[in-house]
């Protein structure tokens, strides 16, 4: 799941920028902490979905491609 998180976090952050970061930025430090929490939760959730529906099924196919 770490690779999915690495690969998708910038996409999630850029999507959230206009919907979450802009409105919460005006609340100062509390808004910044909320932004960090929301970004982390969204990135981890999206990475978990990618792992579950994309990466895990591909890893199950690896037994068909063994090289000896």
Protein backbone atom coordinates (compact mmCIF):
# COMPACT_ATOMS: atom_id res chain seq x y z
CA UNK A 1 0.00 0.00 0.00
CA UNK A 2 2.95 2.32 0.49
CA UNK A 3 3.61 2.51 -3.25
CA UNK A 4 -0.02 3.43 -3.89
CA UNK A 5 0.27 6.17 -1.28
CA UNK A 6 3.48 7.44 -2.85
CA UNK A 7 2.00 7.38 -6.34
CA UNK A 8 -1.33 9.07 -5.60
CA UNK A 9 -0.77 11.56 -2.78
CA UNK A 10 0.04 14.51 -5.07
CA UNK A 11 -3.11 13.87 -7.10
CA UNK A 12 -5.23 13.79 -3.94
CA UNK A 13 -3.57 16.92 -2.54
CA UNK A 14 -4.10 18.88 -5.74
CA UNK A 15 -7.77 17.86 -5.95
CA UNK A 16 -8.35 18.85 -2.32
CA UNK A 17 -6.59 22.18 -2.69
CA UNK A 18 -9.52 24.19 -3.99
CA UNK A 19 -12.22 22.33 -2.03
CA UNK A 20 -10.54 22.06 1.38
CA UNK A 21 -7.36 24.12 1.63
CA UNK A 22 -8.74 27.44 0.39
CA UNK A 23 -11.76 27.56 2.75
CA UNK A 24 -9.88 26.31 5.83
CA UNK A 25 -6.78 28.46 5.38
CA UNK A 26 -8.51 31.51 6.83
CA UNK A 27 -8.83 29.81 10.26
CA UNK A 28 -5.11 30.04 10.94
CA UNK A 29 -3.32 27.26 12.80
CA UNK A 30 -6.50 25.28 13.54
CA UNK A 31 -7.40 25.35 9.86
CA UNK A 32 -3.90 24.23 8.91
CA UNK A 33 -4.10 21.26 11.28
CA UNK A 34 -7.49 20.38 9.83
CA UNK A 35 -6.02 20.56 6.31
CA UNK A 36 -3.20 18.18 7.30
CA UNK A 37 -5.64 15.71 8.87
CA UNK A 38 -8.03 15.79 5.92
CA UNK A 39 -5.19 15.42 3.42
CA UNK A 40 -3.72 12.46 5.27
CA UNK A 41 -7.06 10.72 5.66
CA UNK A 42 -7.98 11.25 1.99
CA UNK A 43 -4.58 10.13 0.68
CA UNK A 44 -4.50 7.01 2.86
CA UNK A 45 -8.10 6.17 1.97
CA UNK A 46 -7.49 6.58 -1.76
CA UNK A 47 -4.29 4.52 -1.54
CA UNK A 48 -6.17 1.76 0.29
CA UNK A 49 -8.79 1.70 -2.47
CA UNK A 50 -6.09 1.55 -5.13
CA UNK A 51 -4.34 -1.27 -3.33
CA UNK A 52 -7.52 -3.25 -2.80
CA UNK A 53 -8.97 -2.93 -6.30
CA UNK A 54 -5.86 -2.53 -8.46
CA UNK A 55 -2.57 -3.62 -6.88
CA UNK A 56 -3.76 -6.71 -5.00
CA UNK A 57 -5.42 -8.34 -8.05
CA UNK A 58 -2.24 -7.75 -10.06
CA UNK A 59 -0.11 -9.30 -7.32
CA UNK A 60 -2.29 -12.42 -7.42
CA UNK A 61 -1.25 -12.91 -11.06
CA UNK A 62 2.44 -12.96 -10.22
CA UNK A 63 2.45 -16.74 -9.66
CA UNK A 64 1.79 -17.16 -13.39
CA UNK A 65 4.96 -15.31 -14.31
CA UNK A 66 7.70 -17.06 -12.36
CA UNK A 67 11.14 -17.17 -13.96
CA UNK A 68 13.46 -20.03 -13.13
